[in-house]
């Protein structure tokens, strides 16, 4: 399992580096992810509503 720990730390380091070097790009990425999650939630709500 040490490889999993190293990959996790590397991913965290990459995210920290990206946020420090490109804060605008990081904010836009988080915004796009939030929009995607909201879209999925809206679609799921529509699906459940249409079942009734």
C-alpha atoms as a PDB file:
ATOM      1  CA  UNK A   1       0.000   0.000   0.000  1.00  0.00           C
ATOM      2  CA  UNK A   2       2.904   2.473   0.126  1.00  0.00           C
ATOM      3  CA  UNK A   3       2.396   3.270  -3.560  1.00  0.00           C
ATOM      4  CA  UNK A   4      -1.135   4.475  -2.853  1.00  0.00           C
ATOM      5  CA  UNK A   5       0.199   6.778  -0.144  1.00  0.00           C
ATOM      6  CA  UNK A   6       2.832   8.207  -2.500  1.00  0.00           C
ATOM      7  CA  UNK A   7       0.282   8.804  -5.243  1.00  0.00           C
ATOM      8  CA  UNK A   8      -2.010  10.567  -2.759  1.00  0.00           C
ATOM      9  CA  UNK A   9       0.804  12.816  -1.554  1.00  0.00           C
ATOM     10  CA  UNK A  10       1.877  13.558  -5.124  1.00  0.00           C
ATOM     11  CA  UNK A  11      -1.684  14.494  -6.079  1.00  0.00           C
ATOM     12  CA  UNK A  12      -1.985  16.773  -3.049  1.00  0.00           C
ATOM     13  CA  UNK A  13       1.337  18.409  -3.895  1.00  0.00           C
ATOM     14  CA  UNK A  14       0.223  18.961  -7.496  1.00  0.00           C
ATOM     15  CA  UNK A  15      -3.048  20.562  -6.354  1.00  0.00           C
ATOM     16  CA  UNK A  16      -1.204  22.833  -3.915  1.00  0.00           C
ATOM     17  CA  UNK A  17       1.301  23.810  -6.622  1.00  0.00           C
ATOM     18  CA  UNK A  18      -1.509  24.514  -9.110  1.00  0.00           C
ATOM     19  CA  UNK A  19      -3.413  26.671  -6.605  1.00  0.00           C
ATOM     20  CA  UNK A  20      -0.282  28.659  -5.759  1.00  0.00           C
ATOM     21  CA  UNK A  21       0.907  29.129  -9.358  1.00  0.00           C
ATOM     22  CA  UNK A  22      -2.493  29.562 -11.078  1.00  0.00           C
ATOM     23  CA  UNK A  23      -5.096  30.687  -8.534  1.00  0.00           C
ATOM     24  CA  UNK A  24      -7.439  31.977 -11.245  1.00  0.00           C
ATOM     25  CA  UNK A  25      -7.265  28.711 -13.156  1.00  0.00           C
ATOM     26  CA  UNK A  26      -7.773  26.716  -9.974  1.00  0.00           C
ATOM     27  CA  UNK A  27     -10.828  28.794  -9.067  1.00  0.00           C
ATOM     28  CA  UNK A  28     -12.246  28.324 -12.557  1.00  0.00           C
ATOM     29  CA  UNK A  29     -11.687  24.561 -12.338  1.00  0.00           C
ATOM     30  CA  UNK A  30     -13.532  24.388  -9.015  1.00  0.00           C
ATOM     31  CA  UNK A  31     -16.327  26.545 -10.457  1.00  0.00           C
ATOM     32  CA  UNK A  32     -16.687  24.253 -13.480  1.00  0.00           C
ATOM     33  CA  UNK A  33     -16.759  21.193 -11.218  1.00  0.00           C
ATOM     34  CA  UNK A  34     -19.479  22.795  -9.090  1.00  0.00           C
ATOM     35  CA  UNK A  35     -21.506  23.598 -12.209  1.00  0.00           C
ATOM     36  CA  UNK A  36     -21.154  19.986 -13.341  1.00  0.00           C
ATOM     37  CA  UNK A  37     -22.268  18.619  -9.986  1.00  0.00           C
ATOM     38  CA  UNK A  38     -25.249  21.003  -9.946  1.00  0.00           C
ATOM     39  CA  UNK A  39     -26.199  19.885 -13.447  1.00  0.00           C
ATOM     40  CA  UNK A  40     -26.092  16.225 -12.442  1.00  0.00           C
ATOM     41  CA  UNK A  41     -28.173  16.946  -9.350  1.00  0.00           C
ATOM     42  CA  UNK A  42     -30.722  18.863 -11.422  1.00  0.00           C
ATOM     43  CA  UNK A  43     -30.966  16.057 -13.950  1.00  0.00           C
ATOM     44  CA  UNK A  44     -31.395  13.480 -11.180  1.00  0.00           C
ATOM     45  CA  UNK A  45     -34.120  15.596  -9.561  1.00  0.00           C
ATOM     46  CA  UNK A  46     -35.927  15.880 -12.899  1.00  0.00           C
ATOM     47  CA  UNK A  47     -35.696  12.118 -13.387  1.00  0.00           C
ATOM     48  CA  UNK A  48     -37.113  11.367  -9.948  1.00  0.00           C
ATOM     49  CA  UNK A  49     -39.891  13.951 -10.428  1.00  0.00           C
ATOM     50  CA  UNK A  50     -40.879  12.412 -13.759  1.00  0.00           C
ATOM     51  CA  UNK A  51     -41.162   8.951 -12.195  1.00  0.00           C
ATOM     52  CA  UNK A  52     -44.154  10.013 -10.125  1.00  0.00           C
END
